[in-house]
PDB file of N, CA and C in Angstrom:
ATOM      1  N   MET A   1       0.703  -1.063  -0.458  1.00  0.00           N
ATOM      2  CA  MET A   1      -0.423  -0.601   0.043  1.00  0.00           C
ATOM      3  C   MET A   1       0.656   1.637   0.224  1.00  0.00           C
ATOM      4  N   ALA A   2       0.669   2.393  -0.147  1.00  0.00           N
ATOM      5  CA  ALA A   2       1.348   3.795  -0.781  1.00  0.00           C
ATOM      6  C   ALA A   2       1.503   3.892   0.519  1.00  0.00           C
ATOM      7  N   GLU A   3       0.504   4.474   1.526  1.00  0.00           N
ATOM      8  CA  GLU A   3       0.738   5.489   2.941  1.00  0.00           C
ATOM      9  C   GLU A   3       1.470   4.798   3.924  1.00  0.00           C
ATOM     10  N   SER A   4       0.506   3.591   3.932  1.00  0.00           N
ATOM     11  CA  SER A   4       0.634   2.791   4.980  1.00  0.00           C
ATOM     12  C   SER A   4       0.132   1.506   4.927  1.00  0.00           C
ATOM     13  N   ASP A   5      -0.060   0.719   5.613  1.00  0.00           N
ATOM     14  CA  ASP A   5      -0.159  -0.426   5.671  1.00  0.00           C
ATOM     15  C   ASP A   5      -1.376  -1.604   5.673  1.00  0.00           C
ATOM     16  N   HIS A   6      -2.315  -0.637   6.522  1.00  0.00           N
ATOM     17  CA  HIS A   6      -3.399  -0.909   6.533  1.00  0.00           C
ATOM     18  C   HIS A   6      -4.507   0.599   6.004  1.00  0.00           C
ATOM     19  N   PRO A   7      -5.452   0.286   5.583  1.00  0.00           N
ATOM     20  CA  PRO A   7      -6.415   1.093   5.409  1.00  0.00           C
ATOM     21  C   PRO A   7      -7.609   1.478   6.747  1.00  0.00           C
ATOM     22  N   ARG A   8      -7.435   2.758   6.801  1.00  0.00           N
ATOM     23  CA  ARG A   8      -7.880   3.472   7.735  1.00  0.00           C
ATOM     24  C   ARG A   8      -9.275   4.198   7.594  1.00  0.00           C
ATOM     25  N   PRO A   9      -9.806   4.806   8.728  1.00  0.00           N
ATOM     26  CA  PRO A   9     -11.308   6.055   8.020  1.00  0.00           C
ATOM     27  C   PRO A   9     -10.780   6.714   7.416  1.00  0.00           C
ATOM     28  N   PRO A  10     -11.383   7.256   6.489  1.00  0.00           N
ATOM     29  CA  PRO A  10     -11.414   9.032   6.055  1.00  0.00           C
ATOM     30  C   PRO A  10     -11.300  10.032   7.620  1.00  0.00           C
ATOM     31  N   GLY A  11      -9.609  10.649   7.361  1.00  0.00           N
ATOM     32  CA  GLY A  11      -9.954  11.240   8.337  1.00  0.00           C
ATOM     33  C   GLY A  11      -9.238  11.314  10.119  1.00  0.00           C
ATOM     34  N   GLU A  12      -8.762   9.370  10.526  1.00  0.00           N
ATOM     35  CA  GLU A  12      -8.035   9.220  10.869  1.00  0.00           C
ATOM     36  C   GLU A  12      -6.489   9.289  11.317  1.00  0.00           C
ATOM     37  N   LYS A  13      -5.986   9.996  12.116  1.00  0.00           N
ATOM     38  CA  LYS A  13      -4.519  10.330  12.448  1.00  0.00           C
ATOM     39  C   LYS A  13      -3.751   9.069  11.857  1.00  0.00           C
ATOM     40  N   GLU A  14      -3.075   9.119  10.848  1.00  0.00           N
ATOM     41  CA  GLU A  14      -1.443   7.948  11.296  1.00  0.00           C
ATOM     42  C   GLU A  14      -0.763   8.228  12.102  1.00  0.00           C
ATOM     43  N   TYR A  15       0.246   7.631  12.440  1.00  0.00           N
ATOM     44  CA  TYR A  15       0.942   7.773  13.703  1.00  0.00           C
ATOM     45  C   TYR A  15       2.265   6.371  13.076  1.00  0.00           C
ATOM     46  N   TRP A  16       3.231   7.395  13.632  1.00  0.00           N
ATOM     47  CA  TRP A  16       4.938   6.597  12.817  1.00  0.00           C
ATOM     48  C   TRP A  16       5.051   5.360  13.143  1.00  0.00           C
ATOM     49  N   LEU A  17       4.229   4.766  13.998  1.00  0.00           N
ATOM     50  CA  LEU A  17       4.274   3.034  13.955  1.00  0.00           C
ATOM     51  C   LEU A  17       3.259   2.777  13.724  1.00  0.00           C
ATOM     52  N   ASP A  18       1.898   2.991  12.927  1.00  0.00           N
ATOM     53  CA  ASP A  18       1.001   2.373  11.841  1.00  0.00           C
ATOM     54  C   ASP A  18       1.947   1.811  10.773  1.00  0.00           C
ATOM     55  N   ARG A  19       2.962   2.284  10.231  1.00  0.00           N
ATOM     56  CA  ARG A  19       3.486   1.932   9.590  1.00  0.00           C
ATOM     57  C   ARG A  19       4.385   0.554   9.560  1.00  0.00           C
ATOM     58  N   SER A  20       4.587  -0.682   8.885  1.00  0.00           N
ATOM     59  CA  SER A  20       5.436  -1.543   9.133  1.00  0.00           C
ATOM     60  C   SER A  20       6.822  -1.361   8.682  1.00  0.00           C
ATOM     61  N   ALA A  21       6.984  -0.683   8.089  1.00  0.00           N
ATOM     62  CA  ALA A  21       9.162  -0.261   8.078  1.00  0.00           C
ATOM     63  C   ALA A  21       9.123   0.726   9.005  1.00  0.00           C
ATOM     64  N   ASN A  22       9.038   1.296   9.648  1.00  0.00           N
ATOM     65  CA  ASN A  22       8.940   2.612  11.079  1.00  0.00           C
ATOM     66  C   ASN A  22       8.934   1.023  12.327  1.00  0.00           C
ATOM     67  N   VAL A  23       8.252   0.177  12.421  1.00  0.00           N
ATOM     68  CA  VAL A  23       8.332  -0.601  12.927  1.00  0.00           C
ATOM     69  C   VAL A  23       9.519  -1.875  12.874  1.00  0.00           C
ATOM     70  N   THR A  24       9.812  -1.959  11.850  1.00  0.00           N
ATOM     71  CA  THR A  24      10.472  -2.646  11.550  1.00  0.00           C
ATOM     72  C   THR A  24      12.215  -1.774  12.137  1.00  0.00           C
ATOM     73  N   LYS A  25      11.914  -0.938  11.850  1.00  0.00           N
ATOM     74  CA  LYS A  25      13.722  -0.066  11.462  1.00  0.00           C
ATOM     75  C   LYS A  25      13.658   0.241  13.358  1.00  0.00           C
ATOM     76  N   VAL A  26      12.393   0.124  14.402  1.00  0.00           N
ATOM     77  CA  VAL A  26      12.191  -0.503  15.619  1.00  0.00           C
ATOM     78  C   VAL A  26      13.377  -1.334  15.912  1.00  0.00           C
ATOM     79  N   PHE A  27      12.684  -2.603  15.998  1.00  0.00           N
ATOM     80  CA  PHE A  27      12.552  -3.514  16.377  1.00  0.00           C
ATOM     81  C   PHE A  27      13.953  -3.519  16.205  1.00  0.00           C
ATOM     82  N   TRP A  28      15.331  -3.414  14.690  1.00  0.00           N
ATOM     83  CA  TRP A  28      16.327  -3.933  14.701  1.00  0.00           C
ATOM     84  C   TRP A  28      17.470  -2.874  15.208  1.00  0.00           C
ATOM     85  N   ALA A  29      17.163  -1.468  15.823  1.00  0.00           N
ATOM     86  CA  ALA A  29      17.338  -0.780  16.915  1.00  0.00           C
ATOM     87  C   ALA A  29      17.520  -0.703  18.032  1.00  0.00           C
ATOM     88  N   VAL A  30      16.818  -1.350  17.893  1.00  0.00           N
ATOM     89  CA  VAL A  30      16.743  -2.304  20.044  1.00  0.00           C
ATOM     90  C   VAL A  30      17.338  -4.188  19.966  1.00  0.00           C
ATOM     91  N   VAL A  31      17.678  -4.553  18.538  1.00  0.00           N
ATOM     92  CA  VAL A  31      18.721  -5.471  18.261  1.00  0.00           C
ATOM     93  C   VAL A  31      20.158  -5.350  18.788  1.00  0.00           C
ATOM     94  N   VAL A  32      20.579  -4.239  17.897  1.00  0.00           N
ATOM     95  CA  VAL A  32      21.722  -3.442  17.726  1.00  0.00           C
ATOM     96  C   VAL A  32      21.926  -3.084  18.557  1.00  0.00           C
ATOM     97  N   VAL A  33      21.236  -2.523  19.880  1.00  0.00           N
ATOM     98  CA  VAL A  33      21.799  -1.320  20.510  1.00  0.00           C
ATOM     99  C   VAL A  33      21.860  -2.563  21.686  1.00  0.00           C
ATOM    100  N   SER A  34      20.882  -3.776  22.069  1.00  0.00           N
ATOM    101  CA  SER A  34      21.051  -5.134  22.945  1.00  0.00           C
ATOM    102  C   SER A  34      22.537  -5.813  22.852  1.00  0.00           C
ATOM    103  N   GLY A  35      22.560  -5.664  21.380  1.00  0.00           N
ATOM    104  CA  GLY A  35      24.124  -6.656  20.847  1.00  0.00           C
ATOM    105  C   GLY A  35      25.093  -5.278  21.544  1.00  0.00           C
ATOM    106  N   VAL A  36      25.228  -3.603  20.994  1.00  0.00           N
ATOM    107  CA  VAL A  36      26.712  -3.400  21.380  1.00  0.00           C
ATOM    108  C   VAL A  36      26.732  -3.017  23.191  1.00  0.00           C
ATOM    109  N   LEU A  37      25.495  -3.688  23.708  1.00  0.00           N
ATOM    110  CA  LEU A  37      25.142  -3.862  25.608  1.00  0.00           C
ATOM    111  C   LEU A  37      25.782  -5.138  25.970  1.00  0.00           C
ATOM    112  N   ALA A  38      25.607  -5.843  25.363  1.00  0.00           N
ATOM    113  CA  ALA A  38      26.240  -7.395  25.549  1.00  0.00           C
ATOM    114  C   ALA A  38      27.340  -7.793  25.370  1.00  0.00           C
ATOM    115  N   LEU A  39      27.980  -6.264  24.118  1.00  0.00           N
ATOM    116  CA  LEU A  39      29.239  -7.121  23.969  1.00  0.00           C
ATOM    117  C   LEU A  39      29.934  -6.098  24.973  1.00  0.00           C
ATOM    118  N   LEU A  40      29.174  -5.050  25.624  1.00  0.00           N
ATOM    119  CA  LEU A  40      30.518  -4.031  26.740  1.00  0.00           C
ATOM    120  C   LEU A  40      30.541  -4.825  27.527  1.00  0.00           C
ATOM    121  N   ASP A  41      29.610  -6.060  28.192  1.00  0.00           N
ATOM    122  CA  ASP A  41      29.704  -6.370  29.084  1.00  0.00           C
ATOM    123  C   ASP A  41      31.475  -6.782  29.153  1.00  0.00           C
ATOM    124  N   PHE A  42      32.151  -7.452  28.429  1.00  0.00           N
ATOM    125  CA  PHE A  42      33.489  -7.775  28.131  1.00  0.00           C
ATOM    126  C   PHE A  42      34.657  -7.097  29.055  1.00  0.00           C
ATOM    127  N   PHE A  43      34.039  -6.089  28.505  1.00  0.00           N
ATOM    128  CA  PHE A  43      35.067  -4.935  28.903  1.00  0.00           C
ATOM    129  C   PHE A  43      35.248  -3.667  29.660  1.00  0.00           C
ATOM    130  N   TYR A  44      34.969  -4.386  30.793  1.00  0.00           N
ATOM    131  CA  TYR A  44      34.729  -3.707  32.461  1.00  0.00           C
ATOM    132  C   TYR A  44      35.058  -4.912  33.299  1.00  0.00           C
ATOM    133  N   HIS A  45      34.767  -4.298  34.982  1.00  0.00           N
ATOM    134  CA  HIS A  45      35.233  -5.342  35.248  1.00  0.00           C
ATOM    135  C   HIS A  45      34.223  -5.512  36.523  1.00  0.00           C
ATOM    136  N   LYS A  46      33.759  -6.214  37.073  1.00  0.00           N
ATOM    137  CA  LYS A  46      32.275  -6.567  37.497  1.00  0.00           C
ATOM    138  C   LYS A  46      32.125  -6.845  39.308  1.00  0.00           C
ATOM    139  N   HIS A  47      31.649  -6.328  39.590  1.00  0.00           N
ATOM    140  CA  HIS A  47      32.216  -6.269  41.403  1.00  0.00           C
ATOM    141  C   HIS A  47      31.272  -7.680  41.587  1.00  0.00           C
ATOM    142  N   ALA A  48      31.476  -8.572  41.567  1.00  0.00           N
ATOM    143  CA  ALA A  48      30.548  -9.887  41.635  1.00  0.00           C
ATOM    144  C   ALA A  48      30.386 -10.227  42.994  1.00  0.00           C
ATOM    145  N   GLU A  49      29.156  -9.777  44.065  1.00  0.00           N
ATOM    146  CA  GLU A  49      28.950 -10.295  44.977  1.00  0.00           C
ATOM    147  C   GLU A  49      28.986 -12.359  45.750  1.00  0.00           C
ATOM    148  N   LEU A  50      27.611 -12.668  44.501  1.00  0.00           N
ATOM    149  CA  LEU A  50      28.328 -13.815  45.195  1.00  0.00           C
ATOM    150  C   LEU A  50      28.790 -14.987  43.817  1.00  0.00           C
ATOM    151  N   GLY A  51      29.179 -14.781  42.949  1.00  0.00           N
ATOM    152  CA  GLY A  51      30.338 -15.407  42.083  1.00  0.00           C
ATOM    153  C   GLY A  51      29.749 -15.257  40.753  1.00  0.00           C
ATOM    154  N   PHE A  52      28.865 -15.775  40.918  1.00  0.00           N
ATOM    155  CA  PHE A  52      27.573 -16.304  39.772  1.00  0.00           C
ATOM    156  C   PHE A  52      27.237 -14.988  38.930  1.00  0.00           C
ATOM    157  N   ASP A  53      27.067 -13.857  39.895  1.00  0.00           N
ATOM    158  CA  ASP A  53      26.588 -12.555  38.567  1.00  0.00           C
ATOM    159  C   ASP A  53      27.655 -11.711  38.445  1.00  0.00           C
ATOM    160  N   GLY A  54      28.979 -12.167  38.297  1.00  0.00           N
ATOM    161  CA  GLY A  54      29.780 -11.659  37.332  1.00  0.00           C
ATOM    162  C   GLY A  54      29.832 -12.483  35.813  1.00  0.00           C
ATOM    163  N   SER A  55      29.391 -13.623  35.817  1.00  0.00           N
ATOM    164  CA  SER A  55      28.962 -13.716  34.520  1.00  0.00           C
ATOM    165  C   SER A  55      28.386 -12.868  33.649  1.00  0.00           C
ATOM    166  N   PHE A  56      28.932 -13.779  32.670  1.00  0.00           N
ATOM    167  CA  PHE A  56      28.941 -12.592  31.794  1.00  0.00           C
ATOM    168  C   PHE A  56      27.364 -12.536  31.062  1.00  0.00           C
ATOM    169  N   GLY A  57      26.314 -11.678  30.904  1.00  0.00           N
ATOM    170  CA  GLY A  57      25.617 -11.455  30.260  1.00  0.00           C
ATOM    171  C   GLY A  57      24.249 -11.797  31.619  1.00  0.00           C
ATOM    172  N   PHE A  58      24.787 -11.787  32.833  1.00  0.00           N
ATOM    173  CA  PHE A  58      23.898 -11.934  34.021  1.00  0.00           C
ATOM    174  C   PHE A  58      22.908 -11.022  34.359  1.00  0.00           C
ATOM    175  N   HIS A  59      23.041 -10.141  34.428  1.00  0.00           N
ATOM    176  CA  HIS A  59      22.160  -9.514  34.488  1.00  0.00           C
ATOM    177  C   HIS A  59      21.206  -9.309  33.314  1.00  0.00           C
ATOM    178  N   GLY A  60      21.447  -8.789  32.690  1.00  0.00           N
ATOM    179  CA  GLY A  60      20.717  -8.885  31.223  1.00  0.00           C
ATOM    180  C   GLY A  60      19.496 -10.567  31.394  1.00  0.00           C
ATOM    181  N   TRP A  61      20.166 -11.501  31.717  1.00  0.00           N
ATOM    182  CA  TRP A  61      19.239 -12.602  31.999  1.00  0.00           C
ATOM    183  C   TRP A  61      18.012 -12.602  32.672  1.00  0.00           C
ATOM    184  N   TYR A  62      18.678 -12.256  33.974  1.00  0.00           N
ATOM    185  CA  TYR A  62      18.519 -12.357  35.088  1.00  0.00           C
ATOM    186  C   TYR A  62      17.035 -11.420  34.766  1.00  0.00           C
ATOM    187  N   GLY A  63      17.187 -10.122  34.553  1.00  0.00           N
ATOM    188  CA  GLY A  63      15.944  -8.727  34.301  1.00  0.00           C
ATOM    189  C   GLY A  63      14.892  -9.386  33.404  1.00  0.00           C
ATOM    190  N   PHE A  64      15.508 -10.255  32.615  1.00  0.00           N
ATOM    191  CA  PHE A  64      14.346 -10.924  31.552  1.00  0.00           C
ATOM    192  C   PHE A  64      13.780 -12.240  32.178  1.00  0.00           C
ATOM    193  N   VAL A  65      14.477 -12.761  33.046  1.00  0.00           N
ATOM    194  CA  VAL A  65      12.998 -14.108  33.400  1.00  0.00           C
ATOM    195  C   VAL A  65      12.390 -13.387  34.690  1.00  0.00           C
ATOM    196  N   CYS A  66      12.562 -12.493  35.242  1.00  0.00           N
ATOM    197  CA  CYS A  66      12.235 -11.853  36.638  1.00  0.00           C
ATOM    198  C   CYS A  66      10.770 -10.836  35.636  1.00  0.00           C
ATOM    199  N   CYS A  67      10.914 -10.026  35.071  1.00  0.00           N
ATOM    200  CA  CYS A  67       9.975  -9.548  33.527  1.00  0.00           C
ATOM    201  C   CYS A  67       8.550 -10.587  33.489  1.00  0.00           C
ATOM    202  N   VAL A  68       9.649 -11.568  32.587  1.00  0.00           N
ATOM    203  CA  VAL A  68       8.733 -12.826  32.089  1.00  0.00           C
ATOM    204  C   VAL A  68       7.535 -13.679  33.700  1.00  0.00           C
ATOM    205  N   PHE A  69       8.661 -14.007  34.439  1.00  0.00           N
ATOM    206  CA  PHE A  69       8.035 -14.266  36.065  1.00  0.00           C
ATOM    207  C   PHE A  69       6.236 -13.080  36.329  1.00  0.00           C
ATOM    208  N   LEU A  70       6.685 -12.157  36.098  1.00  0.00           N
ATOM    209  CA  LEU A  70       5.962 -10.692  36.716  1.00  0.00           C
ATOM    210  C   LEU A  70       5.241 -10.650  35.706  1.00  0.00           C
ATOM    211  N   VAL A  71       5.142 -10.831  34.732  1.00  0.00           N
ATOM    212  CA  VAL A  71       3.478 -10.832  33.525  1.00  0.00           C
ATOM    213  C   VAL A  71       2.859 -12.247  33.509  1.00  0.00           C
ATOM    214  N   LEU A  72       3.327 -13.719  34.357  1.00  0.00           N
ATOM    215  CA  LEU A  72       3.438 -14.673  34.507  1.00  0.00           C
ATOM    216  C   LEU A  72       2.109 -14.576  35.364  1.00  0.00           C
ATOM    217  N   ALA A  73       2.759 -14.356  36.489  1.00  0.00           N
ATOM    218  CA  ALA A  73       1.932 -14.031  37.948  1.00  0.00           C
ATOM    219  C   ALA A  73       1.147 -13.016  37.546  1.00  0.00           C
ATOM    220  N   ALA A  74       0.848 -11.714  36.953  1.00  0.00           N
ATOM    221  CA  ALA A  74       0.369 -10.985  36.597  1.00  0.00           C
ATOM    222  C   ALA A  74      -1.358 -11.985  35.848  1.00  0.00           C
ATOM    223  N   LYS A  75      -0.987 -12.754  35.276  1.00  0.00           N
ATOM    224  CA  LYS A  75      -2.012 -13.318  34.379  1.00  0.00           C
ATOM    225  C   LYS A  75      -3.176 -13.969  35.284  1.00  0.00           C
ATOM    226  N   GLU A  76      -2.000 -15.024  36.599  1.00  0.00           N
ATOM    227  CA  GLU A  76      -2.885 -15.615  37.473  1.00  0.00           C
ATOM    228  C   GLU A  76      -3.000 -14.493  38.395  1.00  0.00           C
ATOM    229  N   LEU A  77      -3.007 -14.207  38.717  1.00  0.00           N
ATOM    230  CA  LEU A  77      -3.664 -13.016  39.694  1.00  0.00           C
ATOM    231  C   LEU A  77      -4.671 -12.548  39.070  1.00  0.00           C
ATOM    232  N   ARG A  78      -5.193 -11.976  37.728  1.00  0.00           N
ATOM    233  CA  ARG A  78      -6.271 -10.986  37.533  1.00  0.00           C
ATOM    234  C   ARG A  78      -7.148 -11.735  37.708  1.00  0.00           C
ATOM    235  N   LYS A  79      -7.077 -13.904  37.522  1.00  0.00           N
ATOM    236  CA  LYS A  79      -7.983 -14.297  37.805  1.00  0.00           C
ATOM    237  C   LYS A  79      -9.060 -14.607  39.010  1.00  0.00           C
ATOM    238  N   LEU A  80      -7.633 -14.055  40.390  1.00  0.00           N
ATOM    239  CA  LEU A  80      -8.932 -13.800  41.518  1.00  0.00           C
ATOM    240  C   LEU A  80      -8.980 -12.477  41.559  1.00  0.00           C
ATOM    241  N   LEU A  81      -8.348 -11.440  40.622  1.00  0.00           N
ATOM    242  CA  LEU A  81      -9.498 -10.130  41.016  1.00  0.00           C
ATOM    243  C   LEU A  81     -10.125  -9.812  40.306  1.00  0.00           C
ATOM    244  N   LYS A  82     -10.382  -9.938  38.878  1.00  0.00           N
ATOM    245  CA  LYS A  82     -11.446  -9.634  38.200  1.00  0.00           C
ATOM    246  C   LYS A  82     -12.974  -9.774  38.644  1.00  0.00           C
ATOM    247  N   ARG A  83     -13.501  -8.752  37.896  1.00  0.00           N
ATOM    248  CA  ARG A  83     -14.623  -8.910  37.972  1.00  0.00           C
ATOM    249  C   ARG A  83     -15.515  -8.668  37.153  1.00  0.00           C
ATOM    250  N   ASP A  84     -16.447  -8.587  36.780  1.00  0.00           N
ATOM    251  CA  ASP A  84     -17.963  -8.531  35.693  1.00  0.00           C
ATOM    252  C   ASP A  84     -17.823  -7.343  35.163  1.00  0.00           C
ATOM    253  N   GLU A  85     -18.214  -7.568  34.071  1.00  0.00           N
ATOM    254  CA  GLU A  85     -18.317  -6.007  33.132  1.00  0.00           C
ATOM    255  C   GLU A  85     -19.107  -4.748  33.239  1.00  0.00           C
ATOM    256  N   ASP A  86     -19.928  -5.602  34.057  1.00  0.00           N
ATOM    257  CA  ASP A  86     -21.169  -4.661  34.939  1.00  0.00           C
ATOM    258  C   ASP A  86     -20.831  -4.272  36.426  1.00  0.00           C
ATOM    259  N   TYR A  87     -19.434  -4.462  36.863  1.00  0.00           N
ATOM    260  CA  TYR A  87     -19.282  -4.462  38.127  1.00  0.00           C
ATOM    261  C   TYR A  87     -19.741  -3.192  38.515  1.00  0.00           C
ATOM    262  N   TYR A  88     -19.354  -1.999  37.962  1.00  0.00           N
ATOM    263  CA  TYR A  88     -19.236  -0.491  38.540  1.00  0.00           C
ATOM    264  C   TYR A  88     -20.888  -0.182  37.793  1.00  0.00           C
ATOM    265  N   ASP A  89     -21.630  -0.526  37.751  1.00  0.00           N
ATOM    266  CA  ASP A  89     -22.952  -0.113  37.296  1.00  0.00           C
ATOM    267  C   ASP A  89     -23.858  -0.550  38.095  1.00  0.00           C
ATOM    268  N   ARG A  90     -23.215  -1.849  38.666  1.00  0.00           N
ATOM    269  CA  ARG A  90     -24.144  -2.236  39.918  1.00  0.00           C
ATOM    270  C   ARG A  90     -24.656  -1.390  40.937  1.00  0.00           C
TER     271      ARG A  90
END
């Protein structure tokens, strides 16, 4: 398609992430920045407290695992705290 990848109703504003080319650019920018930061992990002294926390990429992997855990815990917590759609209308 010419301007955007999906047709939109007339008069609706087009945002910069509506184009898949821009989404691809953002994705590759994140990949490049992550790769550079991972490579920089080789070039500084780590003050490891426990030994294993000084290994290559530990803090990145630890952060990723904790983020996944939080998302999965929130999905389970939603089952306990969820309300009916008309909860506030009653």
